Amino acid sequence: MKNIKERVTIYQVAKASGVSLATVSRVINNKGNVKPDTKARVEETIRRLGYKPSGLAQALATNKTTNIGVIIPSANYVYIANMLNGISEVAKEKGFVLTLFTTSHSHEEALTMIERVITTHVDGAIIFDDELDAEDIMKINSYSVPTIVVNNKIVGEQVGCVLFSYKDQLVKLIEEYYANGGEKEMTFLHVHDGGRLLQHCEKAFVDTHESLGRPYHILNCDDSYTRTYHDFKDVIEKEGGGYFICYRDSIAAAIENAATDSGLKVPEQVEVLSLVGTKYANIVRPTLTSLQIDMAEVGRRSMYMLIDLLNHDLIEKSYRFEATLVERDSTKPR
């Protein structure tokens, strides 16, 4: 590893130039009164040593930080990773540094993450965590940290939100299914600690069936492909079919595979819908009918809104994305 050059620091530049750190900072950022000969000496030292100031160092030197705190449940979920990619894309374009905070499904841990966001002195925050409520978000805002909240309708002087709705499209799908002669009983797969998004969809599922006077089922499942596959293989064999509404593509794929491995046909006997569809919906066989939102665009929109909020230019503090239904091979054509 002899060819790897150690990074030159601002301390080395100051020492080699015979000046203070403050003087080097003023030269780098072209601020303050620096004698011409001193400025020339520092600039020559920077060239000779090959010093490259970091964006964060420059921001701190100019008293303008560029650090954005991002709180997410987990980067392991594809749709969360897609949103994070969108945030990162805009942050890179605009010269912001991201600090990532991840939480599990715990309200206490989410509150701990808030404390960390506050103590890291970030410029602003983007928060996507189903365990936080309005009071928690406003705690950040009380410290004058501009915040964009994803998937939670909270608006304030320094708080904006990006919302997305799957439930309206789900209600429409259920109503049209029965209106067009659909006869399979629907089952909603309840995932423990699935968060606010899944809770809203489950409530919409129950309310719609009860308003239509249709029977339905709610069954618990783990947020795991393997366990869902084994748990539902016996259920599907016993029932001989049904219409299953699943939280994510991996759960939907487990139901599909459990059905086909039990000798049942998809979609003739078993129909499957994935609520939060991702690229995997088009990879599995049969391909999955799913509700889709461009989560990368959610991330980009969140970051642009936060930048406007930081600059006091954000007029519309709430933006909504509506899911669209993408019909594939796991359900019968409507």
C-alpha atoms as a PDB file:
ATOM      1  CA  MET A   1       0.000   0.000   0.000  1.00  0.00           C
ATOM      2  CA  LYS A   2       3.019   2.297  -0.431  1.00  0.00           C
ATOM      3  CA  ASN A   3       1.430   4.170  -3.346  1.00  0.00           C
ATOM      4  CA  ILE A   4      -1.445   5.492  -1.238  1.00  0.00           C
ATOM      5  CA  LYS A   5      -0.807   9.126  -0.382  1.00  0.00           C
ATOM      6  CA  GLU A   6      -1.852  10.307   3.067  1.00  0.00           C
ATOM      7  CA  ARG A   7      -4.351  13.126   3.060  1.00  0.00           C
ATOM      8  CA  VAL A   8      -2.816  16.518   3.780  1.00  0.00           C
ATOM      9  CA  THR A   9      -4.562  18.367   6.595  1.00  0.00           C
ATOM     10  CA  ILE A  10      -5.159  22.062   7.206  1.00  0.00           C
ATOM     11  CA  TYR A  11      -2.892  21.745  10.246  1.00  0.00           C
ATOM     12  CA  GLN A  12       0.026  20.708   8.046  1.00  0.00           C
ATOM     13  CA  VAL A  13      -0.608  23.653   5.726  1.00  0.00           C
ATOM     14  CA  ALA A  14      -0.633  26.079   8.657  1.00  0.00           C
ATOM     15  CA  LYS A  15       2.575  24.628  10.103  1.00  0.00           C
ATOM     16  CA  ALA A  16       4.405  24.623   6.741  1.00  0.00           C
ATOM     17  CA  SER A  17       3.270  28.193   6.041  1.00  0.00           C
ATOM     18  CA  GLY A  18       4.146  29.465   9.505  1.00  0.00           C
ATOM     19  CA  VAL A  19       0.676  30.896  10.069  1.00  0.00           C
ATOM     20  CA  SER A  20      -2.375  30.131  12.183  1.00  0.00           C
ATOM     21  CA  LEU A  21      -5.258  27.829  11.265  1.00  0.00           C
ATOM     22  CA  ALA A  22      -7.531  30.884  11.098  1.00  0.00           C
ATOM     23  CA  THR A  23      -5.266  32.500   8.510  1.00  0.00           C
ATOM     24  CA  VAL A  24      -5.270  29.369   6.321  1.00  0.00           C
ATOM     25  CA  SER A  25      -9.067  29.234   6.642  1.00  0.00           C
ATOM     26  CA  ARG A  26      -9.381  32.876   5.557  1.00  0.00           C
ATOM     27  CA  VAL A  27      -7.161  32.251   2.529  1.00  0.00           C
ATOM     28  CA  ILE A  28      -9.102  29.121   1.515  1.00  0.00           C
ATOM     29  CA  ASN A  29     -12.441  30.887   1.798  1.00  0.00           C
ATOM     30  CA  ASN A  30     -11.189  34.243   0.500  1.00  0.00           C
ATOM     31  CA  LYS A  31     -12.417  36.034   3.602  1.00  0.00           C
ATOM     32  CA  GLY A  32     -10.893  38.500   6.035  1.00  0.00           C
ATOM     33  CA  ASN A  33      -7.779  40.652   5.834  1.00  0.00           C
ATOM     34  CA  VAL A  34      -4.689  38.672   4.884  1.00  0.00           C
ATOM     35  CA  LYS A  35      -1.500  40.388   3.784  1.00  0.00           C
ATOM     36  CA  PRO A  36      -0.700  39.733   0.115  1.00  0.00           C
ATOM     37  CA  ASP A  37       2.671  38.107   0.869  1.00  0.00           C
ATOM     38  CA  THR A  38       1.126  35.889   3.558  1.00  0.00           C
ATOM     39  CA  LYS A  39      -1.708  34.897   1.212  1.00  0.00           C
ATOM     40  CA  ALA A  40       0.786  34.052  -1.543  1.00  0.00           C
ATOM     41  CA  ARG A  41       2.841  31.947   0.872  1.00  0.00           C
ATOM     42  CA  VAL A  42      -0.200  29.976   2.031  1.00  0.00           C
ATOM     43  CA  GLU A  43      -1.424  29.431  -1.538  1.00  0.00           C
ATOM     44  CA  GLU A  44       2.020  28.208  -2.597  1.00  0.00           C
ATOM     45  CA  THR A  45       2.089  25.797   0.361  1.00  0.00           C
ATOM     46  CA  ILE A  46      -1.365  24.483  -0.575  1.00  0.00           C
ATOM     47  CA  ARG A  47      -0.186  23.795  -4.145  1.00  0.00           C
ATOM     48  CA  ARG A  48       3.091  22.244  -3.009  1.00  0.00           C
ATOM     49  CA  LEU A  49       1.498  19.917  -0.456  1.00  0.00           C
ATOM     50  CA  GLY A  50      -1.519  19.139  -2.655  1.00  0.00           C
ATOM     51  CA  TYR A  51      -3.987  20.117   0.032  1.00  0.00           C
ATOM     52  CA  LYS A  52      -7.676  19.656  -0.865  1.00  0.00           C
ATOM     53  CA  PRO A  53     -10.111  21.281   1.596  1.00  0.00           C
ATOM     54  CA  SER A  54     -13.174  19.156   2.359  1.00  0.00           C
ATOM     55  CA  GLY A  55     -16.608  20.558   1.677  1.00  0.00           C
ATOM     56  CA  LEU A  56     -17.521  20.162   5.335  1.00  0.00           C
ATOM     57  CA  ALA A  57     -14.328  21.947   6.478  1.00  0.00           C
ATOM     58  CA  GLN A  58     -15.074  24.831   4.132  1.00  0.00           C
ATOM     59  CA  ALA A  59     -18.630  24.996   5.379  1.00  0.00           C
ATOM     60  CA  LEU A  60     -17.505  25.125   8.995  1.00  0.00           C
ATOM     61  CA  ALA A  61     -14.894  27.752   8.173  1.00  0.00           C
ATOM     62  CA  THR A  62     -17.534  29.980   6.597  1.00  0.00           C
ATOM     63  CA  ASN A  63     -19.905  29.356   9.504  1.00  0.00           C
ATOM     64  CA  LYS A  64     -22.333  27.632   7.138  1.00  0.00           C
ATOM     65  CA  THR A  65     -22.763  23.951   7.878  1.00  0.00           C
ATOM     66  CA  THR A  66     -24.036  21.597   5.209  1.00  0.00           C
ATOM     67  CA  ASN A  67     -24.861  18.504   7.222  1.00  0.00           C
ATOM     68  CA  ILE A  68     -28.290  16.891   6.888  1.00  0.00           C
ATOM     69  CA  GLY A  69     -29.453  14.217   9.326  1.00  0.00           C
ATOM     70  CA  VAL A  70     -31.519  11.409   7.798  1.00  0.00           C
ATOM     71  CA  ILE A  71     -33.505   9.075  10.066  1.00  0.00           C
ATOM     72  CA  ILE A  72     -34.802   5.864   8.469  1.00  0.00           C
ATOM     73  CA  PRO A  73     -36.094   2.556   9.883  1.00  0.00           C
ATOM     74  CA  SER A  74     -33.598   0.407   7.937  1.00  0.00           C
ATOM     75  CA  ALA A  75     -31.681   0.579   4.687  1.00  0.00           C
ATOM     76  CA  ASN A  76     -32.325  -3.153   4.175  1.00  0.00           C
ATOM     77  CA  TYR A  77     -35.779  -2.544   2.705  1.00  0.00           C
ATOM     78  CA  VAL A  78     -35.566  -1.870  -1.023  1.00  0.00           C
ATOM     79  CA  TYR A  79     -38.111   0.956  -0.977  1.00  0.00           C
ATOM     80  CA  ILE A  80     -36.224   2.706   1.847  1.00  0.00           C
ATOM     81  CA  ALA A  81     -32.930   2.258  -0.012  1.00  0.00           C
ATOM     82  CA  ASN A  82     -34.537   3.752  -3.120  1.00  0.00           C
ATOM     83  CA  MET A  83     -35.671   6.795  -1.139  1.00  0.00           C
ATOM     84  CA  LEU A  84     -32.200   7.171   0.349  1.00  0.00           C
ATOM     85  CA  ASN A  85     -30.684   7.071  -3.135  1.00  0.00           C
ATOM     86  CA  GLY A  86     -32.940   9.949  -4.166  1.00  0.00           C
ATOM     87  CA  ILE A  87     -31.909  11.984  -1.123  1.00  0.00           C
ATOM     88  CA  SER A  88     -28.218  11.251  -1.770  1.00  0.00           C
ATOM     89  CA  GLU A  89     -28.506  12.238  -5.425  1.00  0.00           C
ATOM     90  CA  VAL A  90     -29.754  15.730  -4.592  1.00  0.00           C
ATOM     91  CA  ALA A  91     -27.395  16.107  -1.619  1.00  0.00           C
ATOM     92  CA  LYS A  92     -24.425  15.369  -3.855  1.00  0.00           C
ATOM     93  CA  GLU A  93     -25.702  17.753  -6.530  1.00  0.00           C
ATOM     94  CA  LYS A  94     -26.138  20.601  -4.015  1.00  0.00           C
ATOM     95  CA  GLY A  95     -23.019  19.933  -1.921  1.00  0.00           C
ATOM     96  CA  PHE A  96     -24.673  18.670   1.260  1.00  0.00           C
ATOM     97  CA  VAL A  97     -23.225  16.053   3.588  1.00  0.00           C
ATOM     98  CA  LEU A  98     -25.576  13.358   4.942  1.00  0.00           C
ATOM     99  CA  THR A  99     -25.427  11.770   8.376  1.00  0.00           C
ATOM    100  CA  LEU A 100     -27.521   8.596   8.528  1.00  0.00           C
ATOM    101  CA  PHE A 101     -29.390   7.421  11.616  1.00  0.00           C
ATOM    102  CA  THR A 102     -31.191   4.062  11.553  1.00  0.00           C
ATOM    103  CA  THR A 103     -33.749   2.767  14.017  1.00  0.00           C
ATOM    104  CA  SER A 104     -35.502  -0.506  14.697  1.00  0.00           C
ATOM    105  CA  HIS A 105     -39.219  -0.691  15.412  1.00  0.00           C
ATOM    106  CA  SER A 106     -38.908   0.967  18.814  1.00  0.00           C
ATOM    107  CA  HIS A 107     -40.316   4.294  19.908  1.00  0.00           C
ATOM    108  CA  GLU A 108     -37.622   4.654  22.561  1.00  0.00           C
ATOM    109  CA  GLU A 109     -34.868   4.082  20.034  1.00  0.00           C
ATOM    110  CA  ALA A 110     -36.448   6.565  17.651  1.00  0.00           C
ATOM    111  CA  LEU A 111     -36.411   9.191  20.420  1.00  0.00           C
ATOM    112  CA  THR A 112     -32.746   8.398  21.042  1.00  0.00           C
ATOM    113  CA  MET A 113     -32.077   9.047  17.361  1.00  0.00           C
ATOM    114  CA  ILE A 114     -33.766  12.443  17.695  1.00  0.00           C
ATOM    115  CA  GLU A 115     -31.408  13.328  20.538  1.00  0.00           C
ATOM    116  CA  ARG A 116     -28.454  12.311  18.394  1.00  0.00           C
ATOM    117  CA  VAL A 117     -29.702  14.398  15.486  1.00  0.00           C
ATOM    118  CA  ILE A 118     -29.955  17.426  17.769  1.00  0.00           C
ATOM    119  CA  THR A 119     -26.535  16.942  19.358  1.00  0.00           C
ATOM    120  CA  THR A 120     -24.757  16.524  16.004  1.00  0.00           C
ATOM    121  CA  HIS A 121     -25.759  20.118  15.149  1.00  0.00           C
ATOM    122  CA  VAL A 122     -27.147  19.291  11.720  1.00  0.00           C
ATOM    123  CA  ASP A 123     -28.538  21.984   9.426  1.00  0.00           C
ATOM    124  CA  GLY A 124     -31.750  20.095   8.871  1.00  0.00           C
ATOM    125  CA  ALA A 125     -33.306  16.655   9.024  1.00  0.00           C
ATOM    126  CA  ILE A 126     -35.311  14.265   6.875  1.00  0.00           C
ATOM    127  CA  ILE A 127     -37.214  11.762   8.971  1.00  0.00           C
ATOM    128  CA  PHE A 128     -38.931   8.590   7.837  1.00  0.00           C
ATOM    129  CA  ASP A 129     -39.802   6.590  10.908  1.00  0.00           C
ATOM    130  CA  ASP A 130     -43.214   5.128  11.682  1.00  0.00           C
ATOM    131  CA  GLU A 131     -42.509   5.163  15.418  1.00  0.00           C
ATOM    132  CA  LEU A 132     -42.347   8.961  15.728  1.00  0.00           C
ATOM    133  CA  ASP A 133     -45.385  11.142  16.342  1.00  0.00           C
ATOM    134  CA  ALA A 134     -46.043  14.858  15.958  1.00  0.00           C
ATOM    135  CA  GLU A 135     -44.816  15.681  19.477  1.00  0.00           C
ATOM    136  CA  ASP A 136     -41.506  13.912  18.783  1.00  0.00           C
ATOM    137  CA  ILE A 137     -40.969  15.754  15.497  1.00  0.00           C
ATOM    138  CA  MET A 138     -41.758  19.087  17.103  1.00  0.00           C
ATOM    139  CA  LYS A 139     -39.067  18.381  19.667  1.00  0.00           C
ATOM    140  CA  ILE A 140     -36.515  18.651  16.864  1.00  0.00           C
ATOM    141  CA  ASN A 141     -38.235  21.770  15.615  1.00  0.00           C
ATOM    142  CA  SER A 142     -37.977  23.390  19.061  1.00  0.00           C
ATOM    143  CA  TYR A 143     -34.212  23.337  18.551  1.00  0.00           C
ATOM    144  CA  SER A 144     -34.653  25.290  15.282  1.00  0.00           C
ATOM    145  CA  VAL A 145     -33.765  22.332  13.080  1.00  0.00           C
ATOM    146  CA  PRO A 146     -35.694  22.572   9.775  1.00  0.00           C
ATOM    147  CA  THR A 147     -37.259  19.168   9.155  1.00  0.00           C
ATOM    148  CA  ILE A 148     -39.024  17.311   6.357  1.00  0.00           C
ATOM    149  CA  VAL A 149     -41.116  14.402   7.601  1.00  0.00           C
ATOM    150  CA  VAL A 150     -41.849  11.505   5.253  1.00  0.00           C
ATOM    151  CA  ASN A 151     -45.095   9.538   5.666  1.00  0.00           C
ATOM    152  CA  ASN A 152     -46.493  11.663   8.493  1.00  0.00           C
ATOM    153  CA  LYS A 153     -48.707  14.713   8.053  1.00  0.00           C
ATOM    154  CA  ILE A 154     -46.960  17.329  10.178  1.00  0.00           C
ATOM    155  CA  VAL A 155     -46.575  20.972   9.145  1.00  0.00           C
ATOM    156  CA  GLY A 156     -45.111  23.836  11.147  1.00  0.00           C
ATOM    157  CA  GLU A 157     -42.988  26.943  10.884  1.00  0.00           C
ATOM    158  CA  GLN A 158     -39.901  24.841  10.211  1.00  0.00           C
ATOM    159  CA  VAL A 159     -41.539  21.520   9.380  1.00  0.00           C
ATOM    160  CA  GLY A 160     -42.775  20.268   6.017  1.00  0.00           C
ATOM    161  CA  CYS A 161     -43.923  16.825   4.974  1.00  0.00           C
ATOM    162  CA  VAL A 162     -43.922  14.433   2.030  1.00  0.00           C
ATOM    163  CA  LEU A 163     -46.851  12.046   2.099  1.00  0.00           C
ATOM    164  CA  PHE A 164     -47.687   8.991   0.067  1.00  0.00           C
ATOM    165  CA  SER A 165     -50.924   7.096  -0.076  1.00  0.00           C
ATOM    166  CA  TYR A 166     -51.465   3.454  -0.879  1.00  0.00           C
ATOM    167  CA  LYS A 167     -54.823   3.113   0.859  1.00  0.00           C
ATOM    168  CA  ASP A 168     -56.921   5.039  -1.698  1.00  0.00           C
ATOM    169  CA  GLN A 169     -55.766   2.790  -4.513  1.00  0.00           C
ATOM    170  CA  LEU A 170     -56.274  -0.278  -2.301  1.00  0.00           C
ATOM    171  CA  VAL A 171     -59.881   0.723  -1.569  1.00  0.00           C
ATOM    172  CA  LYS A 172     -60.524   1.258  -5.273  1.00  0.00           C
ATOM    173  CA  LEU A 173     -59.035  -2.154  -6.115  1.00  0.00           C
ATOM    174  CA  ILE A 174     -61.190  -3.971  -3.541  1.00  0.00           C
ATOM    175  CA  GLU A 175     -64.378  -2.234  -4.651  1.00  0.00           C
ATOM    176  CA  GLU A 176     -63.728  -2.922  -8.345  1.00  0.00           C
ATOM    177  CA  TYR A 177     -62.775  -6.538  -7.642  1.00  0.00           C
ATOM    178  CA  TYR A 178     -66.168  -7.337  -6.143  1.00  0.00           C
ATOM    179  CA  ALA A 179     -68.047  -5.093  -8.580  1.00  0.00           C
ATOM    180  CA  ASN A 180     -66.551  -7.097 -11.448  1.00  0.00           C
ATOM    181  CA  GLY A 181     -67.629 -10.429 -10.005  1.00  0.00           C
ATOM    182  CA  GLY A 182     -64.580 -11.358  -7.923  1.00  0.00           C
ATOM    183  CA  GLU A 183     -65.483 -14.279  -5.645  1.00  0.00           C
ATOM    184  CA  LYS A 184     -62.321 -15.110  -3.708  1.00  0.00           C
ATOM    185  CA  GLU A 185     -62.266 -14.112  -0.062  1.00  0.00           C
ATOM    186  CA  MET A 186     -59.498 -11.624   0.639  1.00  0.00           C
ATOM    187  CA  THR A 187     -56.857 -12.074   3.327  1.00  0.00           C
ATOM    188  CA  PHE A 188     -54.726  -9.214   4.661  1.00  0.00           C
ATOM    189  CA  LEU A 189     -51.354 -10.306   5.996  1.00  0.00           C
ATOM    190  CA  HIS A 190     -50.632  -8.400   9.189  1.00  0.00           C
ATOM    191  CA  VAL A 191     -46.938  -7.902   9.931  1.00  0.00           C
ATOM    192  CA  HIS A 192     -46.060  -7.151  13.550  1.00  0.00           C
ATOM    193  CA  ASP A 193     -44.403  -3.730  13.860  1.00  0.00           C
ATOM    194  CA  GLY A 194     -45.212  -3.003  10.217  1.00  0.00           C
ATOM    195  CA  GLY A 195     -45.555   0.685  11.033  1.00  0.00           C
ATOM    196  CA  ARG A 196     -48.037   3.427  10.242  1.00  0.00           C
ATOM    197  CA  LEU A 197     -48.159   2.786   6.502  1.00  0.00           C
ATOM    198  CA  LEU A 198     -49.307  -0.820   6.948  1.00  0.00           C
ATOM    199  CA  GLN A 199     -51.746   0.169   9.710  1.00  0.00           C
ATOM    200  CA  HIS A 200     -53.473   2.649   7.402  1.00  0.00           C
ATOM    201  CA  CYS A 201     -53.765   0.046   4.646  1.00  0.00           C
ATOM    202  CA  GLU A 202     -55.093  -2.598   7.033  1.00  0.00           C
ATOM    203  CA  LYS A 203     -57.745  -0.227   8.378  1.00  0.00           C
ATOM    204  CA  ALA A 204     -58.788   0.698   4.836  1.00  0.00           C
ATOM    205  CA  PHE A 205     -59.004  -3.020   3.980  1.00  0.00           C
ATOM    206  CA  VAL A 206     -61.248  -3.766   6.979  1.00  0.00           C
ATOM    207  CA  ASP A 207     -63.447  -0.674   6.563  1.00  0.00           C
ATOM    208  CA  THR A 208     -64.007  -1.349   2.853  1.00  0.00           C
ATOM    209  CA  HIS A 209     -64.984  -4.986   3.387  1.00  0.00           C
ATOM    210  CA  GLU A 210     -67.353  -4.094   6.213  1.00  0.00           C
ATOM    211  CA  SER A 211     -68.982  -1.326   4.174  1.00  0.00           C
ATOM    212  CA  LEU A 212     -69.511  -3.817   1.329  1.00  0.00           C
ATOM    213  CA  GLY A 213     -70.701  -6.563   3.679  1.00  0.00           C
ATOM    214  CA  ARG A 214     -67.985  -8.928   2.441  1.00  0.00           C
ATOM    215  CA  PRO A 215     -66.195 -11.547   4.570  1.00  0.00           C
ATOM    216  CA  TYR A 216     -62.454 -11.152   5.025  1.00  0.00           C
ATOM    217  CA  HIS A 217     -59.500 -12.509   6.978  1.00  0.00           C
ATOM    218  CA  ILE A 218     -56.597 -10.936   8.875  1.00  0.00           C
ATOM    219  CA  LEU A 219     -53.684 -13.303   9.388  1.00  0.00           C
ATOM    220  CA  ASN A 220     -50.418 -12.622  11.168  1.00  0.00           C
ATOM    221  CA  CYS A 221     -47.136 -13.256   9.417  1.00  0.00           C
ATOM    222  CA  ASP A 222     -43.468 -12.561  10.054  1.00  0.00           C
ATOM    223  CA  ASP A 223     -41.596 -10.007   7.980  1.00  0.00           C
ATOM    224  CA  SER A 224     -39.607 -12.887   6.517  1.00  0.00           C
ATOM    225  CA  TYR A 225     -39.824 -14.756   3.221  1.00  0.00           C
ATOM    226  CA  THR A 226     -38.759 -18.103   4.688  1.00  0.00           C
ATOM    227  CA  ARG A 227     -41.083 -18.103   7.704  1.00  0.00           C
ATOM    228  CA  THR A 228     -44.032 -16.782   5.681  1.00  0.00           C
ATOM    229  CA  TYR A 229     -43.518 -19.497   3.063  1.00  0.00           C
ATOM    230  CA  HIS A 230     -43.542 -22.316   5.619  1.00  0.00           C
ATOM    231  CA  ASP A 231     -46.361 -20.865   7.731  1.00  0.00           C
ATOM    232  CA  PHE A 232     -48.699 -20.284   4.779  1.00  0.00           C
ATOM    233  CA  LYS A 233     -48.008 -23.427   2.778  1.00  0.00           C
ATOM    234  CA  ASP A 234     -50.339 -25.374   5.049  1.00  0.00           C
ATOM    235  CA  VAL A 235     -52.888 -22.535   5.166  1.00  0.00           C
ATOM    236  CA  ILE A 236     -53.079 -22.273   1.372  1.00  0.00           C
ATOM    237  CA  GLU A 237     -53.304 -26.044   0.914  1.00  0.00           C
ATOM    238  CA  LYS A 238     -56.168 -26.180   3.433  1.00  0.00           C
ATOM    239  CA  GLU A 239     -58.072 -23.226   1.992  1.00  0.00           C
ATOM    240  CA  GLY A 240     -57.508 -24.238  -1.622  1.00  0.00           C
ATOM    241  CA  GLY A 241     -57.105 -20.658  -2.791  1.00  0.00           C
ATOM    242  CA  GLY A 242     -57.836 -17.035  -1.961  1.00  0.00           C
ATOM    243  CA  TYR A 243     -56.767 -13.445  -2.594  1.00  0.00           C
ATOM    244  CA  PHE A 244     -53.795 -12.414  -0.444  1.00  0.00           C
ATOM    245  CA  ILE A 245     -52.735  -8.801   0.171  1.00  0.00           C
ATOM    246  CA  CYS A 246     -49.123  -8.588   1.306  1.00  0.00           C
ATOM    247  CA  TYR A 247     -46.987  -5.792   2.720  1.00  0.00           C
ATOM    248  CA  ARG A 248     -43.935  -6.195   0.504  1.00  0.00           C
ATOM    249  CA  ASP A 249     -42.706  -8.102  -2.561  1.00  0.00           C
ATOM    250  CA  SER A 250     -40.795 -10.690  -0.527  1.00  0.00           C
ATOM    251  CA  ILE A 251     -43.917 -11.613   1.465  1.00  0.00           C
ATOM    252  CA  ALA A 252     -45.994 -11.745  -1.724  1.00  0.00           C
ATOM    253  CA  ALA A 253     -43.370 -13.967  -3.386  1.00  0.00           C
ATOM    254  CA  ALA A 254     -43.520 -16.321  -0.393  1.00  0.00           C
ATOM    255  CA  ILE A 255     -47.292 -16.665  -0.823  1.00  0.00           C
ATOM    256  CA  GLU A 256     -46.931 -17.252  -4.575  1.00  0.00           C
ATOM    257  CA  ASN A 257     -44.320 -19.945  -4.109  1.00  0.00           C
ATOM    258  CA  ALA A 258     -46.235 -21.600  -1.283  1.00  0.00           C
ATOM    259  CA  ALA A 259     -49.263 -21.776  -3.592  1.00  0.00           C
ATOM    260  CA  THR A 260     -47.469 -23.147  -6.663  1.00  0.00           C
ATOM    261  CA  ASP A 261     -45.494 -25.664  -4.559  1.00  0.00           C
ATOM    262  CA  SER A 262     -48.833 -26.856  -3.188  1.00  0.00           C
ATOM    263  CA  GLY A 263     -50.108 -27.499  -6.699  1.00  0.00           C
ATOM    264  CA  LEU A 264     -52.347 -24.429  -6.871  1.00  0.00           C
ATOM    265  CA  LYS A 265     -52.443 -22.120  -9.860  1.00  0.00           C
ATOM    266  CA  VAL A 266     -51.698 -18.399  -9.771  1.00  0.00           C
ATOM    267  CA  PRO A 267     -53.871 -16.417 -10.509  1.00  0.00           C
ATOM    268  CA  GLU A 268     -56.667 -18.906 -11.204  1.00  0.00           C
ATOM    269  CA  GLN A 269     -56.858 -20.230  -7.631  1.00  0.00           C
ATOM    270  CA  VAL A 270     -54.594 -17.890  -5.702  1.00  0.00           C
ATOM    271  CA  GLU A 271     -54.276 -14.168  -6.378  1.00  0.00           C
ATOM    272  CA  VAL A 272     -51.570 -12.068  -4.751  1.00  0.00           C
ATOM    273  CA  LEU A 273     -51.101  -8.294  -4.401  1.00  0.00           C
ATOM    274  CA  SER A 274     -47.973  -6.571  -3.093  1.00  0.00           C
ATOM    275  CA  LEU A 275     -48.773  -3.264  -1.385  1.00  0.00           C
ATOM    276  CA  VAL A 276     -45.317  -1.668  -1.546  1.00  0.00           C
ATOM    277  CA  GLY A 277     -44.054  -2.777  -4.927  1.00  0.00           C
ATOM    278  CA  THR A 278     -40.402  -2.519  -5.974  1.00  0.00           C
ATOM    279  CA  LYS A 279     -38.295  -3.732  -8.888  1.00  0.00           C
ATOM    280  CA  TYR A 280     -38.625  -7.292  -7.565  1.00  0.00           C
ATOM    281  CA  ALA A 281     -42.313  -7.328  -8.496  1.00  0.00           C
ATOM    282  CA  ASN A 282     -41.261  -7.705 -12.118  1.00  0.00           C
ATOM    283  CA  ILE A 283     -38.540 -10.279 -11.421  1.00  0.00           C
ATOM    284  CA  VAL A 284     -40.431 -13.048  -9.600  1.00  0.00           C
ATOM    285  CA  ARG A 285     -42.560 -15.544 -11.515  1.00  0.00           C
ATOM    286  CA  PRO A 286     -45.435 -15.095 -11.885  1.00  0.00           C
ATOM    287  CA  THR A 287     -44.789 -11.352 -11.868  1.00  0.00           C
ATOM    288  CA  LEU A 288     -46.499  -9.534  -9.002  1.00  0.00           C
ATOM    289  CA  THR A 289     -49.389  -7.134  -9.248  1.00  0.00           C
ATOM    290  CA  SER A 290     -48.387  -4.264  -6.978  1.00  0.00           C
ATOM    291  CA  LEU A 291     -49.024  -0.706  -5.875  1.00  0.00           C
ATOM    292  CA  GLN A 292     -46.099   1.486  -6.950  1.00  0.00           C
ATOM    293  CA  ILE A 293     -44.629   4.802  -5.849  1.00  0.00           C
ATOM    294  CA  ASP A 294     -41.285   6.046  -7.159  1.00  0.00           C
ATOM    295  CA  MET A 295     -39.480   6.153  -3.823  1.00  0.00           C
ATOM    296  CA  ALA A 296     -36.338   7.651  -5.362  1.00  0.00           C
ATOM    297  CA  GLU A 297     -38.511  10.580  -6.414  1.00  0.00           C
ATOM    298  CA  VAL A 298     -39.877  10.753  -2.845  1.00  0.00           C
ATOM    299  CA  GLY A 299     -36.272  11.122  -1.654  1.00  0.00           C
ATOM    300  CA  ARG A 300     -35.449  13.777  -4.241  1.00  0.00           C
ATOM    301  CA  ARG A 301     -38.580  15.747  -3.444  1.00  0.00           C
ATOM    302  CA  SER A 302     -37.837  15.559   0.294  1.00  0.00           C
ATOM    303  CA  MET A 303     -34.324  16.908  -0.170  1.00  0.00           C
ATOM    304  CA  TYR A 304     -35.385  19.741  -2.487  1.00  0.00           C
ATOM    305  CA  MET A 305     -38.122  20.741  -0.031  1.00  0.00           C
ATOM    306  CA  LEU A 306     -35.621  20.746   2.839  1.00  0.00           C
ATOM    307  CA  ILE A 307     -33.239  22.968   0.875  1.00  0.00           C
ATOM    308  CA  ASP A 308     -36.086  25.410   0.215  1.00  0.00           C
ATOM    309  CA  LEU A 309     -37.012  25.266   3.904  1.00  0.00           C
ATOM    310  CA  LEU A 310     -33.405  26.054   4.864  1.00  0.00           C
ATOM    311  CA  ASN A 311     -33.466  29.027   2.504  1.00  0.00           C
ATOM    312  CA  HIS A 312     -36.892  30.179   3.754  1.00  0.00           C
ATOM    313  CA  ASP A 313     -38.276  29.615   0.240  1.00  0.00           C
ATOM    314  CA  LEU A 314     -40.639  26.702   0.895  1.00  0.00           C
ATOM    315  CA  ILE A 315     -44.196  27.838   0.190  1.00  0.00           C
ATOM    316  CA  GLU A 316     -46.119  24.561  -0.104  1.00  0.00           C
ATOM    317  CA  LYS A 317     -45.067  22.617   2.977  1.00  0.00           C
ATOM    318  CA  SER A 318     -46.960  19.445   2.114  1.00  0.00           C
ATOM    319  CA  TYR A 319     -46.570  17.239  -0.970  1.00  0.00           C
ATOM    320  CA  ARG A 320     -48.407  13.978  -1.682  1.00  0.00           C
ATOM    321  CA  PHE A 321     -47.524  10.996  -3.874  1.00  0.00           C
ATOM    322  CA  GLU A 322     -50.371   8.681  -4.881  1.00  0.00           C
ATOM    323  CA  ALA A 323     -49.673   5.010  -5.571  1.00  0.00           C
ATOM    324  CA  THR A 324     -50.591   3.555  -8.935  1.00  0.00           C
ATOM    325  CA  LEU A 325     -51.754  -0.002  -9.539  1.00  0.00           C
ATOM    326  CA  VAL A 326     -49.508  -2.023 -11.836  1.00  0.00           C
ATOM    327  CA  GLU A 327     -51.309  -5.187 -12.893  1.00  0.00           C
ATOM    328  CA  ARG A 328     -49.133  -8.200 -13.611  1.00  0.00           C
ATOM    329  CA  ASP A 329     -49.568 -11.970 -13.637  1.00  0.00           C
ATOM    330  CA  SER A 330     -50.364 -12.645  -9.967  1.00  0.00           C
ATOM    331  CA  THR A 331     -53.952 -11.376 -10.305  1.00  0.00           C
ATOM    332  CA  LYS A 332     -56.651 -11.825 -12.899  1.00  0.00           C
ATOM    333  CA  PRO A 333     -57.196  -8.882 -15.280  1.00  0.00           C
ATOM    334  CA  ARG A 334     -59.906  -6.542 -14.010  1.00  0.00           C
END
